[in-house]
């Protein structure tokens, strides 16, 4: 029997934005007014959307969206002249995200480039000029420059996966170091109140010597690093916990004790080779959904500042929306459940003695919530009984279930007698006591 203890009288801190995502909603098109997922996306109350790889999606604006090469198509043009910029598609896409109640996390750079000839992964031929271009993009969205806006976008990320070879930075990694320092210093000087960071390392950057080399170079050159972003695609929470702590330790050891750690790409991936087919089958179903909750809870309970799922864009790595119909997949309800806890606001003490059973409890105003998740990669796993001890709780809770047959629906009432309730939970399912 798994034992869970929840103490609502002991507060831990804020529930963190572990349910942020990459990319925004799909607005209905003029020709197809009933298409899209805008209202469903909005209902999730997602805290942030990173706009990396938005240029792959025609509904967002395709090749004319977000990327520096799209907004400033002629690098030889004058970066101080508004006529050198093409903001139209990015303006609309940004507004769509904001209209959904989600903040924008802006990636300054370009989408990953899988083409045989590289167009988007080439390093800028003039680092300082690239920084000036980014300066004016920020001015457009935050200071009204060039018929712009006052969106108050806070996070500005420099590049994406610079150690990931020709697809992301078609040059030696050592060339990226002065590029980051040049851009970060310039932007922080122009916008001291904004959060400037990066570099969105892929997993190899985290497990190799590249992370310490990057951190040492940034430190030694007195460059800003308000947040350190990185990626991890794995199928179990143990590796997430391990790497979250390793990144935090590395940041602290190089003096970046105030730098936020943001894991801004993740998903259920066994591996990128023979395991990818099976991964895609699982991430769109109940196992993927429960894995999402288990990973969010793991991030909440470890030194991570934000977790950003890849991807809410129509892609085979989207476990939230069906990429053809935009119907809700099981993962949609995982994000919805975490959002309920997030909106309560304050995490309280919750402990589980079973490594496959995850718990997150929270309070807000006159409300309480207990999220319990049973995730396992053991295909022969069986149902588990749970003894739940609650201190400072209510006499009864609504019970919502997420499993193969329920989509975060109310299935009953749980009575707490003398601070105790006995529950039962199926493998790869979740329950929420509200």
Foldseek 3Di string as FASTA:
>chain_A
DKEKEFEAVFFDFWQFQALAAAFDWQQADPVGNPAICLVLRLLLLRAEYEDAPVLCAVSLPHVLEQELCNQQVDLPDDLVDLVRGDCVSNQVRQVSRVVSNYAYAHEYAHHFAPDPDDDGQEDDPDLLSSLSNVLVVCCQACVCPSNHYNRPRAHYEYFAACVPDPRGHPDDSVVVLVSLQSNQQSNCVVPVRGAYADDAHEPCCQVDCNVLVSLLSCLVSVGDHQAYEYEDEEADQVVVLVSLVSVQVSCVVSPNNNYAYEHAEYFHFHDPPPGRVVRLVQCQALLRLLSSLVNSLSCSVHRHRYHYYPHCALDSRDNAAPSPRRDGTLNVLSSSVSSVQNVQIIWGDMDMPDPQKGWTWHHHDDDIKIKIGGHDPDPPDFKDKYKYFYHPDDQKFFKFKRDRVGRRHGDGMFGQDPRITMDIDGYSMMMMTD
